[in-house]
Amino acid sequence: MRQLADILLREEYPSLETRFTEVREASPAYQEYMSLQPKAGQDFLVGISRWLQQRRAIEVVVGLYLLAFSVRLVLALLAGINTPFEKDAKEYFDAASFLVQGHGYSRLWEDGVVRLSAKRVPGASLFLALGILLFGPYPAAARFIEIVVSSFSAPLLYCFARRISAAVPAILSGLCCALYPSGVFISGVAVTSEAFLVPLLLLSLVLTVRVLDLRSAGTAFSAGLAWGVATLVRPITAPMAAIVALYLAWRAGWKRGLLLGTGFALILSPWLVRNYFVFGRPLLSTQGGEVFLGANNSYVLDVPRRHGDWVSPRNSLHIGTKSKALWMRSL
C-alpha cells in the first residue's frame, strides 16, 4: 500500500517530491554527509589504498623487487639481451673481462696495448666480472647481473620513503622507481654505472637513517661500507659521504661518525693504495678532467647553440693546445 501511495503521490503531486528533494539537498547536514561519501570512481582507489595499507613490509619489498626485476628482464629480452656493447658499456665490459682473465683492472690503450688503468673507478666492472664468472663471458651475463642488482632500487626507495611518509606514498614511490622508463632502460638494455649506483646510494641512505634512529655502532660501520662501495661505482658520492659523516657525528655522536668514516676508508683503501703504487698518486679516477674539459672549452662555450654539448679532448681539434696539455698532464 505504501508503495502504491508513493506512486500516486508522484503522479498527482510531482511538485511536492521535487520540493522535498530541493529542501533536503539544501540542508547543511545533508551536504556535509555527501561530502564525506566517495565520489564516482573513487571507490576503486579507496579500496586499493586500504589493500596496500594492509600489506606487510616484507610483502611490499618482495613485490617491488619482483616487479622491477620482471620489467627489466622483459625489456632486455625484447631488445636483445646478448647484443654486443658499444661506447661506455663496452669499456665497462672489457675491464670486467680483463679482470676475469687475470690482467687486473685494465683497459685497451690507444696504442693497442692492455695496461692497468684508473680512468674509471672499478665498482661497475667488478659487478660485471661477477656476472661473467657466474654465467660466462657473454653480454647477456653482464646485463643479467645488472638487472639483479638494479632491481633492488625499488624496494630500497620504499624503505627510505617509509621513514618519512605513510605506507601508501612509500609504496607509490617504489612503484615509480620500478617502472620509471629511463631507469628501466639503463638497467635492462644499456650497461651503466648508474644502474649500480642508485641501489647502493639508497642502501647507504637507509643505513644512515637507521643510525639516527637506533644509534647503533654496527649500523654506522655498515653505512660507511655502503658509502665506500657506492664511491667505487661513482666517485661523486665521496663528498656526500664526508658530509653525511659530519652530520652523523653532530646528530648521533662523534663515535658513530668516526665508525662511518672508518668503514668508508676501509673499502676505498685497497683501490687508493693500488693507484699510489701504479700511478704514483692515491687517486680515485683520472677521468674527471676529461669530462670537465669536454663540456667547458671554447668550441662549446663560444657558440650558444652548442651549450650543453660534449667533445672528446683526445680527438677534438677544437680544444685549445694549452687546455689539452693541462688535461694530458693530469692523466
C-alpha atoms as a PDB file:
ATOM      1  CA  MET A   1       0.000   0.000   0.000  1.00  0.00           C
ATOM      2  CA  ARG A   2       2.815   2.390   0.864  1.00  0.00           C
ATOM      3  CA  GLN A   3       4.481   1.799  -2.490  1.00  0.00           C
ATOM      4  CA  LEU A   4       1.137   2.436  -4.217  1.00  0.00           C
ATOM      5  CA  ALA A   5       0.704   5.671  -2.280  1.00  0.00           C
ATOM      6  CA  ASP A   6       4.214   6.810  -3.272  1.00  0.00           C
ATOM      7  CA  ILE A   7       3.420   6.146  -6.925  1.00  0.00           C
ATOM      8  CA  LEU A   8       0.129   8.041  -6.739  1.00  0.00           C
ATOM      9  CA  LEU A   9       1.853  10.909  -4.905  1.00  0.00           C
ATOM     10  CA  ARG A  10       4.463  11.228  -7.632  1.00  0.00           C
ATOM     11  CA  GLU A  11       1.796  11.138 -10.332  1.00  0.00           C
ATOM     12  CA  GLU A  12      -0.640  13.534  -8.667  1.00  0.00           C
ATOM     13  CA  TYR A  13       1.722  15.882  -6.916  1.00  0.00           C
ATOM     14  CA  PRO A  14       5.157  15.725  -8.599  1.00  0.00           C
ATOM     15  CA  SER A  15       5.958  19.211  -7.343  1.00  0.00           C
ATOM     16  CA  LEU A  16       5.836  18.011  -3.718  1.00  0.00           C
ATOM     17  CA  GLU A  17       8.562  15.436  -4.365  1.00  0.00           C
ATOM     18  CA  THR A  18      10.648  17.992  -6.228  1.00  0.00           C
ATOM     19  CA  ARG A  19      10.275  20.470  -3.392  1.00  0.00           C
ATOM     20  CA  PHE A  20      11.256  17.858  -0.811  1.00  0.00           C
ATOM     21  CA  THR A  21      14.384  16.981  -2.798  1.00  0.00           C
ATOM     22  CA  GLU A  22      15.407  20.636  -3.071  1.00  0.00           C
ATOM     23  CA  VAL A  23      14.956  21.230   0.654  1.00  0.00           C
ATOM     24  CA  ARG A  24      16.905  18.095   1.541  1.00  0.00           C
ATOM     25  CA  GLU A  25      19.828  18.889  -0.772  1.00  0.00           C
ATOM     26  CA  ALA A  26      19.987  22.458   0.550  1.00  0.00           C
ATOM     27  CA  SER A  27      20.342  21.201   4.122  1.00  0.00           C
ATOM     28  CA  PRO A  28      23.893  21.789   5.561  1.00  0.00           C
ATOM     29  CA  ALA A  29      23.785  18.407   7.288  1.00  0.00           C
ATOM     30  CA  TYR A  30      22.975  16.642   4.015  1.00  0.00           C
ATOM     31  CA  GLN A  31      25.733  18.493   2.158  1.00  0.00           C
ATOM     32  CA  GLU A  32      28.288  17.575   4.819  1.00  0.00           C
ATOM     33  CA  TYR A  33      27.149  13.946   4.647  1.00  0.00           C
ATOM     34  CA  MET A  34      27.504  13.871   0.871  1.00  0.00           C
ATOM     35  CA  SER A  35      30.957  15.480   1.013  1.00  0.00           C
ATOM     36  CA  LEU A  36      32.158  12.550   3.084  1.00  0.00           C
ATOM     37  CA  GLN A  37      30.920   9.966   0.588  1.00  0.00           C
ATOM     38  CA  PRO A  38      33.292   8.674  -2.132  1.00  0.00           C
ATOM     39  CA  LYS A  39      32.578  10.253  -5.473  1.00  0.00           C
ATOM     40  CA  ALA A  40      32.094   8.247  -8.615  1.00  0.00           C
ATOM     41  CA  GLY A  41      35.300   6.400  -9.489  1.00  0.00           C
ATOM     42  CA  GLN A  42      36.848   6.878  -6.043  1.00  0.00           C
ATOM     43  CA  ASP A  43      35.583   3.631  -4.558  1.00  0.00           C
ATOM     44  CA  PHE A  44      38.175   1.664  -6.513  1.00  0.00           C
ATOM     45  CA  LEU A  45      41.038   3.941  -5.418  1.00  0.00           C
ATOM     46  CA  VAL A  46      39.907   3.826  -1.791  1.00  0.00           C
ATOM     47  CA  GLY A  47      39.818   0.046  -1.950  1.00  0.00           C
ATOM     48  CA  ILE A  48      43.303  -0.124  -3.443  1.00  0.00           C
ATOM     49  CA  SER A  49      44.632   2.263  -0.789  1.00  0.00           C
ATOM     50  CA  ARG A  50      43.170   0.173   2.024  1.00  0.00           C
ATOM     51  CA  TRP A  51      44.554  -3.014   0.488  1.00  0.00           C
ATOM     52  CA  LEU A  52      48.038  -1.509   0.241  1.00  0.00           C
ATOM     53  CA  GLN A  53      47.921  -0.318   3.844  1.00  0.00           C
ATOM     54  CA  GLN A  54      47.179  -3.864   4.985  1.00  0.00           C
ATOM     55  CA  ARG A  55      50.276  -5.332   3.303  1.00  0.00           C
ATOM     56  CA  ARG A  56      53.205  -6.306   5.473  1.00  0.00           C
ATOM     57  CA  ALA A  57      56.552  -4.638   4.789  1.00  0.00           C
ATOM     58  CA  ILE A  58      58.164  -7.873   3.626  1.00  0.00           C
ATOM     59  CA  GLU A  59      55.340  -8.399   1.116  1.00  0.00           C
ATOM     60  CA  VAL A  60      55.852  -4.917  -0.291  1.00  0.00           C
ATOM     61  CA  VAL A  61      59.646  -5.323  -0.512  1.00  0.00           C
ATOM     62  CA  VAL A  62      59.450  -8.675  -2.295  1.00  0.00           C
ATOM     63  CA  GLY A  63      56.658  -7.494  -4.577  1.00  0.00           C
ATOM     64  CA  LEU A  64      58.511  -4.345  -5.629  1.00  0.00           C
ATOM     65  CA  TYR A  65      61.703  -6.281  -6.324  1.00  0.00           C
ATOM     66  CA  LEU A  66      59.935  -8.899  -8.436  1.00  0.00           C
ATOM     67  CA  LEU A  67      58.097  -6.196 -10.377  1.00  0.00           C
ATOM     68  CA  ALA A  68      61.290  -4.231 -11.089  1.00  0.00           C
ATOM     69  CA  PHE A  69      63.187  -7.409 -11.997  1.00  0.00           C
ATOM     70  CA  SER A  70      60.451  -8.660 -14.345  1.00  0.00           C
ATOM     71  CA  VAL A  71      60.065  -5.369 -16.203  1.00  0.00           C
ATOM     72  CA  ARG A  72      63.822  -5.013 -16.734  1.00  0.00           C
ATOM     73  CA  LEU A  73      64.292  -8.615 -17.784  1.00  0.00           C
ATOM     74  CA  VAL A  74      61.422  -8.495 -20.296  1.00  0.00           C
ATOM     75  CA  LEU A  75      62.780  -5.293 -21.850  1.00  0.00           C
ATOM     76  CA  ALA A  76      66.283  -6.790 -22.059  1.00  0.00           C
ATOM     77  CA  LEU A  77      64.948  -9.900 -23.773  1.00  0.00           C
ATOM     78  CA  LEU A  78      62.916  -7.847 -26.241  1.00  0.00           C
ATOM     79  CA  ALA A  79      65.868  -5.557 -27.035  1.00  0.00           C
ATOM     80  CA  GLY A  80      68.343  -8.432 -27.321  1.00  0.00           C
ATOM     81  CA  ILE A  81      69.965  -9.397 -24.054  1.00  0.00           C
ATOM     82  CA  ASN A  82      73.104 -10.694 -25.770  1.00  0.00           C
ATOM     83  CA  THR A  83      73.609  -7.698 -28.082  1.00  0.00           C
ATOM     84  CA  PRO A  84      77.275  -6.578 -28.138  1.00  0.00           C
ATOM     85  CA  PHE A  85      78.137  -3.465 -26.157  1.00  0.00           C
ATOM     86  CA  GLU A  86      79.178  -0.082 -27.505  1.00  0.00           C
ATOM     87  CA  LYS A  87      80.885   3.050 -26.145  1.00  0.00           C
ATOM     88  CA  ASP A  88      80.938   3.299 -22.329  1.00  0.00           C
ATOM     89  CA  ALA A  89      79.218  -0.049 -21.859  1.00  0.00           C
ATOM     90  CA  LYS A  90      81.971  -1.732 -23.886  1.00  0.00           C
ATOM     91  CA  GLU A  91      84.628  -0.157 -21.655  1.00  0.00           C
ATOM     92  CA  TYR A  92      82.913  -1.469 -18.523  1.00  0.00           C
ATOM     93  CA  PHE A  93      82.536  -4.936 -20.027  1.00  0.00           C
ATOM     94  CA  ASP A  94      86.092  -5.078 -21.382  1.00  0.00           C
ATOM     95  CA  ALA A  95      87.508  -4.065 -17.992  1.00  0.00           C
ATOM     96  CA  ALA A  96      85.446  -6.808 -16.359  1.00  0.00           C
ATOM     97  CA  SER A  97      86.716  -9.332 -18.913  1.00  0.00           C
ATOM     98  CA  PHE A  98      90.347  -8.315 -18.278  1.00  0.00           C
ATOM     99  CA  LEU A  99      89.764  -8.770 -14.541  1.00  0.00           C
ATOM    100  CA  VAL A 100      88.440 -12.293 -15.027  1.00  0.00           C
ATOM    101  CA  GLN A 101      91.352 -13.114 -17.354  1.00  0.00           C
ATOM    102  CA  GLY A 102      93.843 -12.091 -14.662  1.00  0.00           C
ATOM    103  CA  HIS A 103      95.067  -8.809 -16.202  1.00  0.00           C
ATOM    104  CA  GLY A 104      93.945  -6.694 -13.260  1.00  0.00           C
ATOM    105  CA  TYR A 105      91.798  -3.622 -13.703  1.00  0.00           C
ATOM    106  CA  SER A 106      92.987  -2.686 -17.190  1.00  0.00           C
ATOM    107  CA  ARG A 107      91.841  -1.199 -20.456  1.00  0.00           C
ATOM    108  CA  LEU A 108      92.942  -1.174 -24.073  1.00  0.00           C
ATOM    109  CA  TRP A 109      95.011   1.981 -24.569  1.00  0.00           C
ATOM    110  CA  GLU A 110      95.292   3.991 -27.783  1.00  0.00           C
ATOM    111  CA  ASP A 111      98.463   2.145 -28.848  1.00  0.00           C
ATOM    112  CA  GLY A 112      96.630  -1.192 -28.770  1.00  0.00           C
ATOM    113  CA  VAL A 113      98.252  -2.446 -25.559  1.00  0.00           C
ATOM    114  CA  VAL A 114      96.327  -3.593 -22.499  1.00  0.00           C
ATOM    115  CA  ARG A 115      97.620  -1.749 -19.433  1.00  0.00           C
ATOM    116  CA  LEU A 116      96.467  -1.065 -15.888  1.00  0.00           C
ATOM    117  CA  SER A 117      94.093   1.873 -15.688  1.00  0.00           C
ATOM    118  CA  ALA A 118      92.351   4.183 -13.268  1.00  0.00           C
ATOM    119  CA  LYS A 119      90.264   6.009 -15.847  1.00  0.00           C
ATOM    120  CA  ARG A 120      87.113   4.803 -14.088  1.00  0.00           C
ATOM    121  CA  VAL A 121      86.542   3.544 -10.579  1.00  0.00           C
ATOM    122  CA  PRO A 122      86.222  -0.258 -10.689  1.00  0.00           C
ATOM    123  CA  GLY A 123      82.870  -0.839  -8.974  1.00  0.00           C
ATOM    124  CA  ALA A 124      80.661  -1.325 -12.040  1.00  0.00           C
ATOM    125  CA  SER A 125      83.207  -3.593 -13.736  1.00  0.00           C
ATOM    126  CA  LEU A 126      83.559  -5.668 -10.551  1.00  0.00           C
ATOM    127  CA  PHE A 127      79.819  -6.356 -10.622  1.00  0.00           C
ATOM    128  CA  LEU A 128      80.018  -7.269 -14.310  1.00  0.00           C
ATOM    129  CA  ALA A 129      83.004  -9.536 -13.600  1.00  0.00           C
ATOM    130  CA  LEU A 130      80.823 -11.392 -11.083  1.00  0.00           C
ATOM    131  CA  GLY A 131      78.256 -11.921 -13.825  1.00  0.00           C
ATOM    132  CA  ILE A 132      80.954 -13.234 -16.175  1.00  0.00           C
ATOM    133  CA  LEU A 133      82.227 -15.654 -13.519  1.00  0.00           C
ATOM    134  CA  LEU A 134      78.719 -16.962 -12.840  1.00  0.00           C
ATOM    135  CA  PHE A 135      77.253 -17.084 -16.345  1.00  0.00           C
ATOM    136  CA  GLY A 136      80.138 -16.878 -18.815  1.00  0.00           C
ATOM    137  CA  PRO A 137      81.856 -14.192 -20.941  1.00  0.00           C
ATOM    138  CA  TYR A 138      78.720 -13.010 -22.701  1.00  0.00           C
ATOM    139  CA  PRO A 139      76.979  -9.637 -22.829  1.00  0.00           C
ATOM    140  CA  ALA A 140      73.865 -11.396 -21.528  1.00  0.00           C
ATOM    141  CA  ALA A 141      75.725 -12.281 -18.319  1.00  0.00           C
ATOM    142  CA  ALA A 142      76.627  -8.638 -17.725  1.00  0.00           C
ATOM    143  CA  ARG A 143      73.089  -7.438 -18.393  1.00  0.00           C
ATOM    144  CA  PHE A 144      71.581 -10.106 -16.148  1.00  0.00           C
ATOM    145  CA  ILE A 145      73.760  -9.238 -13.149  1.00  0.00           C
ATOM    146  CA  GLU A 146      72.955  -5.561 -13.758  1.00  0.00           C
ATOM    147  CA  ILE A 147      69.229  -6.378 -13.687  1.00  0.00           C
ATOM    148  CA  VAL A 148      69.614  -8.402 -10.483  1.00  0.00           C
ATOM    149  CA  VAL A 149      71.410  -5.562  -8.674  1.00  0.00           C
ATOM    150  CA  SER A 150      69.500  -2.583 -10.074  1.00  0.00           C
ATOM    151  CA  SER A 151      66.111  -4.109  -9.201  1.00  0.00           C
ATOM    152  CA  PHE A 152      66.880  -3.518  -5.523  1.00  0.00           C
ATOM    153  CA  SER A 153      66.367   0.209  -6.160  1.00  0.00           C
ATOM    154  CA  ALA A 154      62.567  -0.055  -5.935  1.00  0.00           C
ATOM    155  CA  PRO A 155      62.318  -1.771  -2.511  1.00  0.00           C
ATOM    156  CA  LEU A 156      65.141   0.348  -1.117  1.00  0.00           C
ATOM    157  CA  LEU A 157      63.395   3.546  -2.174  1.00  0.00           C
ATOM    158  CA  TYR A 158      60.251   2.245  -0.446  1.00  0.00           C
ATOM    159  CA  CYS A 159      62.242   1.613   2.758  1.00  0.00           C
ATOM    160  CA  PHE A 160      63.753   5.085   2.639  1.00  0.00           C
ATOM    161  CA  ALA A 161      60.424   6.792   1.867  1.00  0.00           C
ATOM    162  CA  ARG A 162      58.702   4.809   4.632  1.00  0.00           C
ATOM    163  CA  ARG A 163      60.916   6.635   7.117  1.00  0.00           C
ATOM    164  CA  ILE A 164      59.297   9.987   6.253  1.00  0.00           C
ATOM    165  CA  SER A 165      55.836   9.099   4.903  1.00  0.00           C
ATOM    166  CA  ALA A 166      52.860   6.794   5.288  1.00  0.00           C
ATOM    167  CA  ALA A 167      52.701   3.354   3.695  1.00  0.00           C
ATOM    168  CA  VAL A 168      50.786   4.241   0.527  1.00  0.00           C
ATOM    169  CA  PRO A 169      53.041   7.149  -0.621  1.00  0.00           C
ATOM    170  CA  ALA A 170      56.094   4.989   0.123  1.00  0.00           C
ATOM    171  CA  ILE A 171      54.700   2.133  -1.963  1.00  0.00           C
ATOM    172  CA  LEU A 172      53.872   4.523  -4.797  1.00  0.00           C
ATOM    173  CA  SER A 173      57.449   5.832  -4.763  1.00  0.00           C
ATOM    174  CA  GLY A 174      58.718   2.254  -5.043  1.00  0.00           C
ATOM    175  CA  LEU A 175      56.341   1.570  -7.932  1.00  0.00           C
ATOM    176  CA  CYS A 176      57.526   4.708  -9.749  1.00  0.00           C
ATOM    177  CA  CYS A 177      61.120   3.578  -9.300  1.00  0.00           C
ATOM    178  CA  ALA A 178      60.330   0.085 -10.580  1.00  0.00           C
ATOM    179  CA  LEU A 179      58.542   1.376 -13.685  1.00  0.00           C
ATOM    180  CA  TYR A 180      60.419   4.618 -14.452  1.00  0.00           C
ATOM    181  CA  PRO A 181      61.203   4.311 -18.198  1.00  0.00           C
ATOM    182  CA  SER A 182      64.722   5.773 -18.145  1.00  0.00           C
ATOM    183  CA  GLY A 183      65.629   3.707 -15.092  1.00  0.00           C
ATOM    184  CA  VAL A 184      64.338   0.548 -16.737  1.00  0.00           C
ATOM    185  CA  PHE A 185      66.304   1.292 -19.922  1.00  0.00           C
ATOM    186  CA  ILE A 186      69.669   1.944 -18.285  1.00  0.00           C
ATOM    187  CA  SER A 187      69.192  -1.125 -16.093  1.00  0.00           C
ATOM    188  CA  GLY A 188      67.924  -3.576 -18.673  1.00  0.00           C
ATOM    189  CA  VAL A 189      69.365  -2.572 -22.047  1.00  0.00           C
ATOM    190  CA  ALA A 190      72.373  -0.296 -21.581  1.00  0.00           C
ATOM    191  CA  VAL A 191      75.109  -1.120 -19.093  1.00  0.00           C
ATOM    192  CA  THR A 192      75.843   1.968 -16.996  1.00  0.00           C
ATOM    193  CA  SER A 193      77.362   2.706 -13.638  1.00  0.00           C
ATOM    194  CA  GLU A 194      74.131   4.462 -12.628  1.00  0.00           C
ATOM    195  CA  ALA A 195      72.304   1.134 -12.595  1.00  0.00           C
ATOM    196  CA  PHE A 196      74.606   0.006  -9.770  1.00  0.00           C
ATOM    197  CA  LEU A 197      74.944   3.411  -8.132  1.00  0.00           C
ATOM    198  CA  VAL A 198      71.244   4.016  -7.431  1.00  0.00           C
ATOM    199  CA  PRO A 199      70.627   0.930  -5.243  1.00  0.00           C
ATOM    200  CA  LEU A 200      73.939   1.431  -3.438  1.00  0.00           C
ATOM    201  CA  LEU A 201      73.185   5.096  -2.787  1.00  0.00           C
ATOM    202  CA  LEU A 202      69.720   4.227  -1.478  1.00  0.00           C
ATOM    203  CA  LEU A 203      71.179   1.481   0.726  1.00  0.00           C
ATOM    204  CA  SER A 204      73.670   3.991   2.127  1.00  0.00           C
ATOM    205  CA  LEU A 205      70.871   6.433   2.924  1.00  0.00           C
ATOM    206  CA  VAL A 206      68.674   3.756   4.526  1.00  0.00           C
ATOM    207  CA  LEU A 207      71.517   2.600   6.780  1.00  0.00           C
ATOM    208  CA  THR A 208      72.428   6.190   7.675  1.00  0.00           C
ATOM    209  CA  VAL A 209      68.844   6.918   8.701  1.00  0.00           C
ATOM    210  CA  ARG A 210      68.811   3.760  10.818  1.00  0.00           C
ATOM    211  CA  VAL A 211      71.891   5.007  12.636  1.00  0.00           C
ATOM    212  CA  LEU A 212      69.972   8.155  13.585  1.00  0.00           C
ATOM    213  CA  ASP A 213      67.065   6.008  14.818  1.00  0.00           C
ATOM    214  CA  LEU A 214      68.923   3.204  16.599  1.00  0.00           C
ATOM    215  CA  ARG A 215      72.255   4.859  17.477  1.00  0.00           C
ATOM    216  CA  SER A 216      73.860   1.509  16.614  1.00  0.00           C
ATOM    217  CA  ALA A 217      77.629   1.352  16.191  1.00  0.00           C
ATOM    218  CA  GLY A 218      77.391  -1.675  13.894  1.00  0.00           C
ATOM    219  CA  THR A 219      74.887   0.061  11.649  1.00  0.00           C
ATOM    220  CA  ALA A 220      77.126   3.132  11.451  1.00  0.00           C
ATOM    221  CA  PHE A 221      80.047   0.968  10.322  1.00  0.00           C
ATOM    222  CA  SER A 222      77.817  -0.813   7.781  1.00  0.00           C
ATOM    223  CA  ALA A 223      76.653   2.554   6.437  1.00  0.00           C
ATOM    224  CA  GLY A 224      80.293   3.522   5.919  1.00  0.00           C
ATOM    225  CA  LEU A 225      80.914   0.308   3.987  1.00  0.00           C
ATOM    226  CA  ALA A 226      77.898   1.039   1.785  1.00  0.00           C
ATOM    227  CA  TRP A 227      79.077   4.593   1.107  1.00  0.00           C
ATOM    228  CA  GLY A 228      82.504   3.196   0.203  1.00  0.00           C
ATOM    229  CA  VAL A 229      81.101   0.689  -2.295  1.00  0.00           C
ATOM    230  CA  ALA A 230      78.924   3.426  -3.831  1.00  0.00           C
ATOM    231  CA  THR A 231      82.027   5.596  -4.263  1.00  0.00           C
ATOM    232  CA  LEU A 232      83.808   2.734  -6.041  1.00  0.00           C
ATOM    233  CA  VAL A 233      80.949   2.796  -8.546  1.00  0.00           C
ATOM    234  CA  ARG A 234      80.803   6.581  -8.964  1.00  0.00           C
ATOM    235  CA  PRO A 235      83.300   8.866  -7.154  1.00  0.00           C
ATOM    236  CA  ILE A 236      80.755  11.692  -6.945  1.00  0.00           C
ATOM    237  CA  THR A 237      79.468  10.074  -3.741  1.00  0.00           C
ATOM    238  CA  ALA A 238      82.760  10.707  -1.897  1.00  0.00           C
ATOM    239  CA  PRO A 239      81.915  14.302  -0.836  1.00  0.00           C
ATOM    240  CA  MET A 240      78.390  13.147   0.002  1.00  0.00           C
ATOM    241  CA  ALA A 241      79.807  10.529   2.361  1.00  0.00           C
ATOM    242  CA  ALA A 242      82.017  13.135   4.034  1.00  0.00           C
ATOM    243  CA  ILE A 243      79.038  15.441   4.640  1.00  0.00           C
ATOM    244  CA  VAL A 244      76.966  12.540   5.992  1.00  0.00           C
ATOM    245  CA  ALA A 245      79.762  11.527   8.374  1.00  0.00           C
ATOM    246  CA  LEU A 246      79.979  15.058   9.769  1.00  0.00           C
ATOM    247  CA  TYR A 247      76.197  15.264  10.124  1.00  0.00           C
ATOM    248  CA  LEU A 248      76.117  11.884  11.853  1.00  0.00           C
ATOM    249  CA  ALA A 249      78.840  12.964  14.258  1.00  0.00           C
ATOM    250  CA  TRP A 250      76.748  16.016  15.143  1.00  0.00           C
ATOM    251  CA  ARG A 251      73.402  14.236  15.499  1.00  0.00           C
ATOM    252  CA  ALA A 252      74.383  10.769  16.768  1.00  0.00           C
ATOM    253  CA  GLY A 253      77.749  11.375  18.415  1.00  0.00           C
ATOM    254  CA  TRP A 254      81.287  11.529  17.179  1.00  0.00           C
ATOM    255  CA  LYS A 255      81.823   7.770  17.619  1.00  0.00           C
ATOM    256  CA  ARG A 256      79.133   6.961  15.071  1.00  0.00           C
ATOM    257  CA  GLY A 257      80.529   9.486  12.637  1.00  0.00           C
ATOM    258  CA  LEU A 258      84.008   8.021  13.124  1.00  0.00           C
ATOM    259  CA  LEU A 259      82.735   4.480  12.560  1.00  0.00           C
ATOM    260  CA  LEU A 260      81.045   5.534   9.339  1.00  0.00           C
ATOM    261  CA  GLY A 261      84.260   7.178   8.171  1.00  0.00           C
ATOM    262  CA  THR A 262      86.236   4.071   9.121  1.00  0.00           C
ATOM    263  CA  GLY A 263      84.007   1.782   7.086  1.00  0.00           C
ATOM    264  CA  PHE A 264      84.199   4.195   4.170  1.00  0.00           C
ATOM    265  CA  ALA A 265      88.009   4.346   4.298  1.00  0.00           C
ATOM    266  CA  LEU A 266      88.297   0.577   4.673  1.00  0.00           C
ATOM    267  CA  ILE A 267      86.539  -0.015   1.354  1.00  0.00           C
ATOM    268  CA  LEU A 268      88.476   2.672  -0.552  1.00  0.00           C
ATOM    269  CA  SER A 269      91.942   1.934   0.865  1.00  0.00           C
ATOM    270  CA  PRO A 270      92.884  -1.006  -1.428  1.00  0.00           C
ATOM    271  CA  TRP A 271      91.954   0.998  -4.527  1.00  0.00           C
ATOM    272  CA  LEU A 272      93.842   4.105  -3.375  1.00  0.00           C
ATOM    273  CA  VAL A 273      96.932   2.096  -2.376  1.00  0.00           C
ATOM    274  CA  ARG A 274      96.885   0.265  -5.696  1.00  0.00           C
ATOM    275  CA  ASN A 275      96.788   3.569  -7.607  1.00  0.00           C
ATOM    276  CA  TYR A 276      99.586   5.001  -5.465  1.00  0.00           C
ATOM    277  CA  PHE A 277     101.921   2.167  -6.427  1.00  0.00           C
ATOM    278  CA  VAL A 278     100.834   2.065 -10.085  1.00  0.00           C
ATOM    279  CA  PHE A 279     100.457   5.780 -10.862  1.00  0.00           C
ATOM    280  CA  GLY A 280     102.330   7.440  -8.013  1.00  0.00           C
ATOM    281  CA  ARG A 281      99.207   9.131  -6.591  1.00  0.00           C
ATOM    282  CA  PRO A 282      96.390   7.840  -4.337  1.00  0.00           C
ATOM    283  CA  LEU A 283      93.694   8.951  -6.773  1.00  0.00           C
ATOM    284  CA  LEU A 284      90.145   7.709  -7.267  1.00  0.00           C
ATOM    285  CA  SER A 285      89.938   8.263 -11.013  1.00  0.00           C
ATOM    286  CA  THR A 286      91.760  10.049 -13.814  1.00  0.00           C
ATOM    287  CA  GLN A 287      88.614  10.784 -15.804  1.00  0.00           C
ATOM    288  CA  GLY A 288      87.374  13.928 -14.078  1.00  0.00           C
ATOM    289  CA  GLY A 289      89.454  16.352 -16.137  1.00  0.00           C
ATOM    290  CA  GLU A 290      88.355  14.798 -19.417  1.00  0.00           C
ATOM    291  CA  VAL A 291      84.665  15.089 -18.598  1.00  0.00           C
ATOM    292  CA  PHE A 292      85.022  18.661 -17.354  1.00  0.00           C
ATOM    293  CA  LEU A 293      87.144  19.854 -20.278  1.00  0.00           C
ATOM    294  CA  GLY A 294      84.913  18.174 -22.867  1.00  0.00           C
ATOM    295  CA  ALA A 295      81.973  20.360 -21.802  1.00  0.00           C
ATOM    296  CA  ASN A 296      83.912  23.513 -20.869  1.00  0.00           C
ATOM    297  CA  ASN A 297      86.024  24.651 -23.809  1.00  0.00           C
ATOM    298  CA  SER A 298      85.915  27.408 -26.407  1.00  0.00           C
ATOM    299  CA  TYR A 299      84.220  25.207 -29.013  1.00  0.00           C
ATOM    300  CA  VAL A 300      81.240  24.565 -26.720  1.00  0.00           C
ATOM    301  CA  LEU A 301      81.075  27.818 -24.780  1.00  0.00           C
ATOM    302  CA  ASP A 302      81.660  30.395 -27.530  1.00  0.00           C
ATOM    303  CA  VAL A 303      78.594  29.391 -29.565  1.00  0.00           C
ATOM    304  CA  PRO A 304      75.264  29.490 -27.657  1.00  0.00           C
ATOM    305  CA  ARG A 305      73.658  26.711 -29.710  1.00  0.00           C
ATOM    306  CA  ARG A 306      76.469  24.354 -28.634  1.00  0.00           C
ATOM    307  CA  HIS A 307      75.926  24.921 -24.929  1.00  0.00           C
ATOM    308  CA  GLY A 308      75.471  21.546 -23.241  1.00  0.00           C
ATOM    309  CA  ASP A 309      77.434  19.637 -25.914  1.00  0.00           C
ATOM    310  CA  TRP A 310      80.457  17.483 -25.154  1.00  0.00           C
ATOM    311  CA  VAL A 311      83.518  16.793 -27.320  1.00  0.00           C
ATOM    312  CA  SER A 312      86.286  14.323 -26.534  1.00  0.00           C
ATOM    313  CA  PRO A 313      89.521  16.097 -25.558  1.00  0.00           C
ATOM    314  CA  ARG A 314      91.515  13.207 -27.002  1.00  0.00           C
ATOM    315  CA  ASN A 315      90.239  13.534 -30.549  1.00  0.00           C
ATOM    316  CA  SER A 316      88.929  17.074 -30.795  1.00  0.00           C
ATOM    317  CA  LEU A 317      90.767  19.749 -32.780  1.00  0.00           C
ATOM    318  CA  HIS A 318      88.549  22.438 -31.235  1.00  0.00           C
ATOM    319  CA  ILE A 319      90.106  22.442 -27.763  1.00  0.00           C
ATOM    320  CA  GLY A 320      92.983  24.804 -27.197  1.00  0.00           C
ATOM    321  CA  THR A 321      96.505  23.403 -27.027  1.00  0.00           C
ATOM    322  CA  LYS A 322      97.112  24.782 -23.539  1.00  0.00           C
ATOM    323  CA  SER A 323      93.914  23.278 -22.132  1.00  0.00           C
ATOM    324  CA  LYS A 324      94.662  19.930 -23.737  1.00  0.00           C
ATOM    325  CA  ALA A 325      98.213  19.939 -22.391  1.00  0.00           C
ATOM    326  CA  LEU A 326      96.968  20.604 -18.849  1.00  0.00           C
ATOM    327  CA  TRP A 327      94.483  17.783 -19.153  1.00  0.00           C
ATOM    328  CA  MET A 328      97.077  15.320 -20.523  1.00  0.00           C
ATOM    329  CA  ARG A 329      99.339  16.202 -17.601  1.00  0.00           C
ATOM    330  CA  SER A 330      96.587  15.154 -15.178  1.00  0.00           C
ATOM    331  CA  LEU A 331      96.402  11.600 -16.560  1.00  0.00           C
END
